[in-house]
Amino acid sequence: MSKCCSLLFVAALLLVSGCGEAPNRKATFPVKGKITVDGQAPGSAIRIDCVPVAGLDAADPTASGTECDPEGNFQISTYQQGDGVPPGDYVLTFTWQEFNLMSRQYTGKDKLNGRYADPQSPTAQKISVKAGEPTDLGVVALTTK
């Protein structure tokens, strides 16, 4: 093999091996549940975000969240779909808006009237994720009133 081909081969190997897991990736553990709104399945997606109680980790920040399905089922993700959340204490926020396909954003009035959008709200849902343990939140009952 020529020197040029050898260098290309080594470069390709480095590129492929670089596509693996990031070295600073935190361990995550499954968090799932089911949302109801006024005792019913929501029928459309509700956005769920995990806000760390201790604040954002400046050295190795992550963002965890998901959307529920029309029946209200959800699995929170950090790095890939359904992988879970790093261990710690969190407040969950919920917003229920229409998804605009053209702008690829949620827009319009929050159908939950902002009751669950503020992590400082008295209606905030607090969770604790423990290393090595899946977390099943069961039914998270939200209201529009």
C-alpha atoms as a PDB file:
ATOM      1  CA  MET A   1       0.000   0.000   0.000  1.00  0.00           C
ATOM      2  CA  SER A   2       1.333   3.439  -0.835  1.00  0.00           C
ATOM      3  CA  LYS A   3       2.059   5.973   1.892  1.00  0.00           C
ATOM      4  CA  CYS A   4      -0.866   8.128   0.701  1.00  0.00           C
ATOM      5  CA  CYS A   5      -3.319   5.199   0.868  1.00  0.00           C
ATOM      6  CA  SER A   6      -2.015   4.237   4.318  1.00  0.00           C
ATOM      7  CA  LEU A   7      -2.603   7.759   5.606  1.00  0.00           C
ATOM      8  CA  LEU A   8      -6.120   7.782   4.166  1.00  0.00           C
ATOM      9  CA  PHE A   9      -6.839   4.407   5.787  1.00  0.00           C
ATOM     10  CA  VAL A  10      -5.612   5.618   9.212  1.00  0.00           C
ATOM     11  CA  ALA A  11      -7.616   8.843   8.854  1.00  0.00           C
ATOM     12  CA  ALA A  12     -10.743   6.848   8.017  1.00  0.00           C
ATOM     13  CA  LEU A  13     -10.221   4.611  11.069  1.00  0.00           C
ATOM     14  CA  LEU A  14      -9.825   7.645  13.323  1.00  0.00           C
ATOM     15  CA  LEU A  15     -12.968   9.207  11.879  1.00  0.00           C
ATOM     16  CA  VAL A  16     -15.010   6.034  12.416  1.00  0.00           C
ATOM     17  CA  SER A  17     -13.674   5.500  15.929  1.00  0.00           C
ATOM     18  CA  GLY A  18     -14.491   9.129  16.734  1.00  0.00           C
ATOM     19  CA  CYS A  19     -18.185   8.472  16.110  1.00  0.00           C
ATOM     20  CA  GLY A  20     -18.555   6.515  19.351  1.00  0.00           C
ATOM     21  CA  GLU A  21     -19.734   7.676  22.729  1.00  0.00           C
ATOM     22  CA  ALA A  22     -18.454  11.064  23.889  1.00  0.00           C
ATOM     23  CA  PRO A  23     -15.821  10.756  26.640  1.00  0.00           C
ATOM     24  CA  ASN A  24     -17.675  13.170  28.965  1.00  0.00           C
ATOM     25  CA  ARG A  25     -21.070  11.562  28.514  1.00  0.00           C
ATOM     26  CA  LYS A  26     -22.806  11.135  31.859  1.00  0.00           C
ATOM     27  CA  ALA A  27     -24.510   7.882  32.807  1.00  0.00           C
ATOM     28  CA  THR A  28     -28.277   8.085  32.379  1.00  0.00           C
ATOM     29  CA  PHE A  29     -31.084   6.044  33.916  1.00  0.00           C
ATOM     30  CA  PRO A  30     -34.606   5.531  32.530  1.00  0.00           C
ATOM     31  CA  VAL A  31     -37.389   7.884  33.614  1.00  0.00           C
ATOM     32  CA  LYS A  32     -40.906   7.190  32.352  1.00  0.00           C
ATOM     33  CA  GLY A  33     -44.477   8.013  33.193  1.00  0.00           C
ATOM     34  CA  LYS A  34     -47.891   8.879  31.853  1.00  0.00           C
ATOM     35  CA  ILE A  35     -49.581  12.278  31.754  1.00  0.00           C
ATOM     36  CA  THR A  36     -53.283  12.889  32.148  1.00  0.00           C
ATOM     37  CA  VAL A  37     -54.946  16.263  31.802  1.00  0.00           C
ATOM     38  CA  ASP A  38     -58.172  16.736  33.722  1.00  0.00           C
ATOM     39  CA  GLY A  39     -58.315  12.941  34.060  1.00  0.00           C
ATOM     40  CA  GLN A  40     -57.985  12.246  30.316  1.00  0.00           C
ATOM     41  CA  ALA A  41     -55.203  11.372  27.879  1.00  0.00           C
ATOM     42  CA  PRO A  42     -53.982  14.638  26.320  1.00  0.00           C
ATOM     43  CA  GLY A  43     -54.538  13.592  22.693  1.00  0.00           C
ATOM     44  CA  SER A  44     -51.468  15.546  21.550  1.00  0.00           C
ATOM     45  CA  ALA A  45     -47.880  16.131  22.645  1.00  0.00           C
ATOM     46  CA  ILE A  46     -47.042  17.884  25.899  1.00  0.00           C
ATOM     47  CA  ARG A  47     -43.435  19.078  26.244  1.00  0.00           C
ATOM     48  CA  ILE A  48     -41.595  17.867  29.365  1.00  0.00           C
ATOM     49  CA  ASP A  49     -38.288  19.406  30.482  1.00  0.00           C
ATOM     50  CA  CYS A  50     -36.048  18.391  33.406  1.00  0.00           C
ATOM     51  CA  VAL A  51     -34.614  21.366  35.279  1.00  0.00           C
ATOM     52  CA  PRO A  52     -31.740  20.444  37.638  1.00  0.00           C
ATOM     53  CA  VAL A  53     -32.455  21.639  41.191  1.00  0.00           C
ATOM     54  CA  ALA A  54     -28.730  22.320  41.729  1.00  0.00           C
ATOM     55  CA  GLY A  55     -28.570  24.380  38.517  1.00  0.00           C
ATOM     56  CA  LEU A  56     -26.855  23.617  35.236  1.00  0.00           C
ATOM     57  CA  ASP A  57     -23.550  21.745  35.487  1.00  0.00           C
ATOM     58  CA  ALA A  58     -21.232  24.348  33.941  1.00  0.00           C
ATOM     59  CA  ALA A  59     -18.393  21.853  33.417  1.00  0.00           C
ATOM     60  CA  ASP A  60     -20.495  19.219  31.642  1.00  0.00           C
ATOM     61  CA  PRO A  61     -23.993  20.571  30.891  1.00  0.00           C
ATOM     62  CA  THR A  62     -26.827  18.345  29.726  1.00  0.00           C
ATOM     63  CA  ALA A  63     -30.434  18.956  28.736  1.00  0.00           C
ATOM     64  CA  SER A  64     -33.052  16.292  29.392  1.00  0.00           C
ATOM     65  CA  GLY A  65     -36.616  16.291  28.141  1.00  0.00           C
ATOM     66  CA  THR A  66     -39.177  14.736  25.850  1.00  0.00           C
ATOM     67  CA  GLU A  67     -42.755  14.894  24.640  1.00  0.00           C
ATOM     68  CA  CYS A  68     -45.552  12.551  25.569  1.00  0.00           C
ATOM     69  CA  ASP A  69     -47.471  10.605  22.949  1.00  0.00           C
ATOM     70  CA  PRO A  70     -51.228  11.258  22.419  1.00  0.00           C
ATOM     71  CA  GLU A  71     -52.032   8.719  25.157  1.00  0.00           C
ATOM     72  CA  GLY A  72     -49.743  10.615  27.573  1.00  0.00           C
ATOM     73  CA  ASN A  73     -46.881   8.069  27.765  1.00  0.00           C
ATOM     74  CA  PHE A  74     -43.342   9.403  27.911  1.00  0.00           C
ATOM     75  CA  GLN A  75     -39.690   8.377  28.369  1.00  0.00           C
ATOM     76  CA  ILE A  76     -37.269  11.208  29.099  1.00  0.00           C
ATOM     77  CA  SER A  77     -34.118  11.523  26.976  1.00  0.00           C
ATOM     78  CA  THR A  78     -30.743  13.199  27.371  1.00  0.00           C
ATOM     79  CA  TYR A  79     -28.439  11.961  24.593  1.00  0.00           C
ATOM     80  CA  GLN A  80     -30.685   9.689  22.523  1.00  0.00           C
ATOM     81  CA  GLN A  81     -34.357   8.797  22.520  1.00  0.00           C
ATOM     82  CA  GLY A  82     -35.493   7.216  25.790  1.00  0.00           C
ATOM     83  CA  ASP A  83     -32.001   6.884  27.305  1.00  0.00           C
ATOM     84  CA  GLY A  84     -32.972   8.553  30.576  1.00  0.00           C
ATOM     85  CA  VAL A  85     -31.573  11.234  32.844  1.00  0.00           C
ATOM     86  CA  PRO A  86     -28.293  11.638  34.778  1.00  0.00           C
ATOM     87  CA  PRO A  87     -28.639  11.011  38.537  1.00  0.00           C
ATOM     88  CA  GLY A  88     -29.807  14.016  40.550  1.00  0.00           C
ATOM     89  CA  ASP A  89     -32.784  16.021  41.706  1.00  0.00           C
ATOM     90  CA  TYR A  90     -34.961  17.711  39.113  1.00  0.00           C
ATOM     91  CA  VAL A  91     -38.122  19.714  38.671  1.00  0.00           C
ATOM     92  CA  LEU A  92     -40.246  18.775  35.656  1.00  0.00           C
ATOM     93  CA  THR A  93     -41.913  21.508  33.642  1.00  0.00           C
ATOM     94  CA  PHE A  94     -44.814  20.863  31.271  1.00  0.00           C
ATOM     95  CA  THR A  95     -46.055  23.007  28.374  1.00  0.00           C
ATOM     96  CA  TRP A  96     -48.860  22.119  25.976  1.00  0.00           C
ATOM     97  CA  GLN A  97     -48.822  24.148  22.791  1.00  0.00           C
ATOM     98  CA  GLU A  98     -49.480  23.529  19.121  1.00  0.00           C
ATOM     99  CA  PHE A  99     -46.513  22.398  17.025  1.00  0.00           C
ATOM    100  CA  ASN A 100     -46.020  24.536  13.915  1.00  0.00           C
ATOM    101  CA  LEU A 101     -44.624  22.293  11.162  1.00  0.00           C
ATOM    102  CA  MET A 102     -43.400  25.222   9.084  1.00  0.00           C
ATOM    103  CA  SER A 103     -41.322  26.843  11.847  1.00  0.00           C
ATOM    104  CA  ARG A 104     -40.654  23.526  13.645  1.00  0.00           C
ATOM    105  CA  GLN A 105     -41.509  25.237  16.945  1.00  0.00           C
ATOM    106  CA  TYR A 106     -44.238  25.166  19.553  1.00  0.00           C
ATOM    107  CA  THR A 107     -46.389  28.260  19.344  1.00  0.00           C
ATOM    108  CA  GLY A 108     -49.556  29.714  20.788  1.00  0.00           C
ATOM    109  CA  LYS A 109     -51.179  29.668  24.180  1.00  0.00           C
ATOM    110  CA  ASP A 110     -50.170  27.013  26.706  1.00  0.00           C
ATOM    111  CA  LYS A 111     -53.299  24.873  27.153  1.00  0.00           C
ATOM    112  CA  LEU A 112     -52.159  24.248  30.740  1.00  0.00           C
ATOM    113  CA  ASN A 113     -52.342  28.022  31.328  1.00  0.00           C
ATOM    114  CA  GLY A 114     -48.698  28.168  32.396  1.00  0.00           C
ATOM    115  CA  ARG A 115     -49.423  26.256  35.639  1.00  0.00           C
ATOM    116  CA  TYR A 116     -46.487  23.872  35.098  1.00  0.00           C
ATOM    117  CA  ALA A 117     -44.086  25.949  32.966  1.00  0.00           C
ATOM    118  CA  ASP A 118     -42.206  27.574  35.868  1.00  0.00           C
ATOM    119  CA  PRO A 119     -39.868  25.301  37.891  1.00  0.00           C
ATOM    120  CA  GLN A 120     -40.417  27.624  40.896  1.00  0.00           C
ATOM    121  CA  SER A 121     -44.200  27.098  40.806  1.00  0.00           C
ATOM    122  CA  PRO A 122     -45.907  25.395  43.760  1.00  0.00           C
ATOM    123  CA  THR A 123     -47.400  22.953  41.228  1.00  0.00           C
ATOM    124  CA  ALA A 124     -43.904  21.862  40.086  1.00  0.00           C
ATOM    125  CA  GLN A 125     -43.316  18.103  39.939  1.00  0.00           C
ATOM    126  CA  LYS A 126     -40.074  17.185  41.737  1.00  0.00           C
ATOM    127  CA  ILE A 127     -38.220  13.961  40.963  1.00  0.00           C
ATOM    128  CA  SER A 128     -35.041  12.287  42.118  1.00  0.00           C
ATOM    129  CA  VAL A 129     -33.101  10.048  39.729  1.00  0.00           C
ATOM    130  CA  LYS A 130     -30.832   7.524  41.427  1.00  0.00           C
ATOM    131  CA  ALA A 131     -27.832   5.819  39.818  1.00  0.00           C
ATOM    132  CA  GLY A 132     -28.572   2.273  38.722  1.00  0.00           C
ATOM    133  CA  GLU A 133     -32.340   2.570  39.211  1.00  0.00           C
ATOM    134  CA  PRO A 134     -35.102   3.204  36.670  1.00  0.00           C
ATOM    135  CA  THR A 135     -37.653   5.808  37.767  1.00  0.00           C
ATOM    136  CA  ASP A 136     -41.345   5.218  37.059  1.00  0.00           C
ATOM    137  CA  LEU A 137     -43.331   8.359  37.812  1.00  0.00           C
ATOM    138  CA  GLY A 138     -46.627   6.553  37.316  1.00  0.00           C
ATOM    139  CA  VAL A 139     -49.466   8.896  36.363  1.00  0.00           C
ATOM    140  CA  VAL A 140     -48.671  12.614  36.434  1.00  0.00           C
ATOM    141  CA  ALA A 141     -52.078  14.266  36.777  1.00  0.00           C
ATOM    142  CA  LEU A 142     -52.142  17.782  35.298  1.00  0.00           C
ATOM    143  CA  THR A 143     -55.099  20.165  35.183  1.00  0.00           C
ATOM    144  CA  THR A 144     -56.076  23.084  33.018  1.00  0.00           C
ATOM    145  CA  LYS A 145     -57.832  24.848  35.921  1.00  0.00           C
END
